C-alpha atoms as a PDB file:
ATOM      1  CA  UNK A   1      -5.059 -23.666 -97.613  1.00  0.00           C
ATOM      2  CA  UNK A   2      -6.408 -22.363 -94.224  1.00  0.00           C
ATOM      3  CA  UNK A   3      -4.961 -19.897 -91.899  1.00  0.00           C
ATOM      4  CA  UNK A   4      -4.801 -22.445 -89.160  1.00  0.00           C
ATOM      5  CA  UNK A   5      -2.313 -24.367 -91.073  1.00  0.00           C
ATOM      6  CA  UNK A   6      -0.108 -21.315 -91.306  1.00  0.00           C
ATOM      7  CA  UNK A   7      -0.336 -20.724 -87.558  1.00  0.00           C
ATOM      8  CA  UNK A   8       0.455 -24.381 -86.959  1.00  0.00           C
ATOM      9  CA  UNK A   9       3.572 -24.222 -89.100  1.00  0.00           C
ATOM     10  CA  UNK A  10       4.588 -20.897 -87.324  1.00  0.00           C
ATOM     11  CA  UNK A  11       4.101 -22.537 -83.866  1.00  0.00           C
ATOM     12  CA  UNK A  12       6.207 -25.603 -84.891  1.00  0.00           C
ATOM     13  CA  UNK A  13       8.973 -23.188 -86.184  1.00  0.00           C
ATOM     14  CA  UNK A  14       9.092 -21.155 -82.956  1.00  0.00           C
ATOM     15  CA  UNK A  15       9.019 -24.281 -80.725  1.00  0.00           C
ATOM     16  CA  UNK A  16      11.767 -26.021 -82.787  1.00  0.00           C
ATOM     17  CA  UNK A  17      13.913 -22.938 -82.811  1.00  0.00           C
ATOM     18  CA  UNK A  18      13.730 -22.577 -79.041  1.00  0.00           C
ATOM     19  CA  UNK A  19      14.396 -26.215 -78.334  1.00  0.00           C
ATOM     20  CA  UNK A  20      17.258 -26.150 -80.712  1.00  0.00           C
ATOM     21  CA  UNK A  21      18.870 -23.086 -79.072  1.00  0.00           C
ATOM     22  CA  UNK A  22      18.399 -24.625 -75.658  1.00  0.00           C
ATOM     23  CA  UNK A  23      19.942 -27.955 -76.772  1.00  0.00           C
ATOM     24  CA  UNK A  24      22.916 -26.276 -78.618  1.00  0.00           C
ATOM     25  CA  UNK A  25      23.768 -24.145 -75.463  1.00  0.00           C
ATOM     26  CA  UNK A  26      23.715 -27.190 -73.263  1.00  0.00           C
ATOM     27  CA  UNK A  27      26.187 -28.901 -75.478  1.00  0.00           C
ATOM     28  CA  UNK A  28      23.771 -31.414 -77.338  1.00  0.00           C
ATOM     29  CA  UNK A  29      24.210 -30.436 -80.940  1.00  0.00           C
ATOM     30  CA  UNK A  30      23.308 -33.858 -82.296  1.00  0.00           C
ATOM     31  CA  UNK A  31      19.887 -33.640 -80.447  1.00  0.00           C
ATOM     32  CA  UNK A  32      19.291 -30.113 -81.681  1.00  0.00           C
ATOM     33  CA  UNK A  33      19.819 -31.263 -85.233  1.00  0.00           C
ATOM     34  CA  UNK A  34      17.395 -34.078 -84.740  1.00  0.00           C
ATOM     35  CA  UNK A  35      14.911 -31.843 -83.256  1.00  0.00           C
ATOM     36  CA  UNK A  36      15.203 -29.441 -86.428  1.00  0.00           C
ATOM     37  CA  UNK A  37      14.891 -32.404 -88.684  1.00  0.00           C
ATOM     38  CA  UNK A  38      11.744 -33.681 -86.825  1.00  0.00           C
ATOM     39  CA  UNK A  39      10.151 -30.177 -87.070  1.00  0.00           C
ATOM     40  CA  UNK A  40      10.817 -30.062 -90.852  1.00  0.00           C
ATOM     41  CA  UNK A  41       9.317 -33.650 -91.317  1.00  0.00           C
ATOM     42  CA  UNK A  42       6.172 -32.652 -89.319  1.00  0.00           C
ATOM     43  CA  UNK A  43       5.650 -29.595 -91.547  1.00  0.00           C
ATOM     44  CA  UNK A  44       6.315 -31.505 -94.690  1.00  0.00           C
ATOM     45  CA  UNK A  45       3.724 -34.054 -93.746  1.00  0.00           C
ATOM     46  CA  UNK A  46       1.094 -31.390 -93.253  1.00  0.00           C
ATOM     47  CA  UNK A  47       1.965 -29.640 -96.618  1.00  0.00           C
ATOM     48  CA  UNK A  48       2.228 -32.755 -98.829  1.00  0.00           C
ATOM     49  CA  UNK A  49      -1.563 -33.233 -99.385  1.00  0.00           C
ATOM     50  CA  UNK A  50      -1.831 -29.551-100.510  1.00  0.00           C
ATOM     51  CA  UNK A  51       1.145 -29.784-102.931  1.00  0.00           C
ATOM     52  CA  UNK A  52      -0.591 -33.108-104.268  1.00  0.00           C
ATOM     53  CA  UNK A  53      -3.795 -31.156-104.900  1.00  0.00           C
ATOM     54  CA  UNK A  54      -1.877 -28.503-106.603  1.00  0.00           C
ATOM     55  CA  UNK A  55      -0.262 -30.892-109.111  1.00  0.00           C
ATOM     56  CA  UNK A  56      -3.622 -32.431-109.705  1.00  0.00           C
ATOM     57  CA  UNK A  57      -5.234 -29.142-110.430  1.00  0.00           C
ATOM     58  CA  UNK A  58      -2.485 -28.254-112.664  1.00  0.00           C
ATOM     59  CA  UNK A  59      -2.795 -31.425-114.466  1.00  0.00           C
ATOM     60  CA  UNK A  60      -6.595 -31.065-114.805  1.00  0.00           C
ATOM     61  CA  UNK A  61      -6.223 -27.550-116.134  1.00  0.00           C
ATOM     62  CA  UNK A  62      -3.649 -28.501-118.949  1.00  0.00           C
ATOM     63  CA  UNK A  63      -5.663 -31.520-120.025  1.00  0.00           C
ATOM     64  CA  UNK A  64      -8.692 -29.442-120.974  1.00  0.00           C
END
């Protein structure tokens, strides 16, 4: 896993939290929830290949 991925995740987290707070204070709680959900899905799509590689590595390790 590279450091750039960690910075991307942090940037998405900061952006989503700011947008969520702005939307909540303007009375749009539903859109704030959808923004948070979209940010979570983006990060999950970035992390899924690394989790898949981890499971493959563990499977190969125990197959010996």
